[in-house]
Protein backbone atom coordinates (compact mmCIF):
# COMPACT_ATOMS: atom_id res chain seq x y z
CA MET A 1 0.00 0.00 0.00
CA PRO A 2 1.43 3.44 -0.88
CA ALA A 3 2.43 5.86 1.84
CA SER A 4 -0.34 8.17 3.00
CA VAL A 5 -0.30 11.77 1.82
CA ASN A 6 -2.48 12.82 4.78
CA GLU A 7 -2.00 12.24 8.48
CA PHE A 8 -3.93 12.45 11.75
CA LYS A 9 -2.67 14.54 14.62
CA GLY A 10 -2.91 11.78 17.19
CA PRO A 11 -3.69 8.07 16.80
CA GLU A 12 -3.05 6.19 13.55
CA HIS A 13 -6.78 5.61 13.11
CA THR A 14 -10.11 6.18 14.82
CA GLU A 15 -12.56 3.30 15.19
CA VAL A 16 -16.15 3.53 16.38
CA ALA A 17 -18.77 0.82 16.88
CA ILE A 18 -22.25 1.78 15.68
CA LEU A 19 -25.00 0.39 17.90
CA LYS A 20 -28.75 0.00 17.41
CA LYS A 21 -30.93 2.12 19.69
CA GLU A 22 -32.54 -1.03 21.12
CA GLY A 23 -29.18 -2.75 21.60
CA GLY A 24 -26.89 -4.78 19.42
CA LYS A 25 -24.12 -3.77 17.09
CA ILE A 26 -24.71 -2.66 13.49
CA GLY A 27 -21.06 -2.48 12.55
CA THR A 28 -17.76 -0.65 12.89
CA ILE A 29 -16.44 2.33 11.00
CA ARG A 30 -12.71 3.03 10.97
CA LEU A 31 -11.24 6.29 9.74
CA LYS A 32 -7.67 6.57 8.55
CA PRO A 33 -5.99 9.62 7.04
CA ASN A 34 -6.32 8.16 3.55
CA ARG A 35 -9.17 5.59 3.81
CA VAL A 36 -12.63 4.93 5.20
CA LEU A 37 -13.34 1.35 6.29
CA TRP A 38 -16.64 -0.35 7.15
CA LYS A 39 -17.29 -3.74 8.72
CA LYS A 40 -20.76 -5.16 9.38
CA ALA A 41 -21.25 -6.74 12.81
CA GLY A 42 -20.09 -10.35 12.79
CA GLU A 43 -17.97 -9.91 9.67
CA GLY A 44 -14.25 -10.58 9.78
CA LYS A 45 -12.91 -8.10 7.27
CA PHE A 46 -13.49 -4.45 6.46
CA TYR A 47 -14.65 -2.92 3.19
CA SER A 48 -12.14 -0.20 2.34
CA LEU A 49 -12.47 2.93 0.22
CA PRO A 50 -9.86 5.61 -0.53
CA LEU A 51 -10.71 8.93 1.12
CA ASP A 52 -10.76 10.72 -2.26
CA ASP A 53 -13.38 8.25 -3.55
CA PHE A 54 -15.47 8.73 -0.40
CA ILE A 55 -15.32 12.53 -0.81
CA ALA A 56 -16.40 12.26 -4.47
CA TRP A 57 -19.27 9.92 -3.52
CA ILE A 58 -20.59 11.86 -0.50
CA THR A 59 -20.54 15.20 -2.34
CA ASP A 60 -22.21 13.84 -5.50
CA PRO A 61 -25.79 15.19 -5.73
CA LYS A 62 -27.00 11.70 -6.67
CA THR A 63 -26.33 10.47 -3.11
CA LYS A 64 -28.77 13.10 -1.76
CA ALA A 65 -26.42 13.64 1.18
CA ARG A 66 -27.19 16.91 2.93
CA ARG A 67 -24.98 19.32 4.82
CA THR A 68 -25.44 19.46 8.55
CA LYS A 69 -26.51 22.64 10.34
CA SER A 70 -23.29 22.81 12.34
């Protein structure tokens, strides 16, 4: 894998479990300076996407993603 052109000020990556309101785990999202990774609960491996591809996808009007108020 090529060296990252971006870096975090702090840990190498940030990982957060996403939980259902009524309990149970939906999955895990991991953020790296150059990638976004997703793993469904119970799965062994992550799906991985370059950060540039994620930015292009999330800002594409076809996704209907909206900006937050803050």
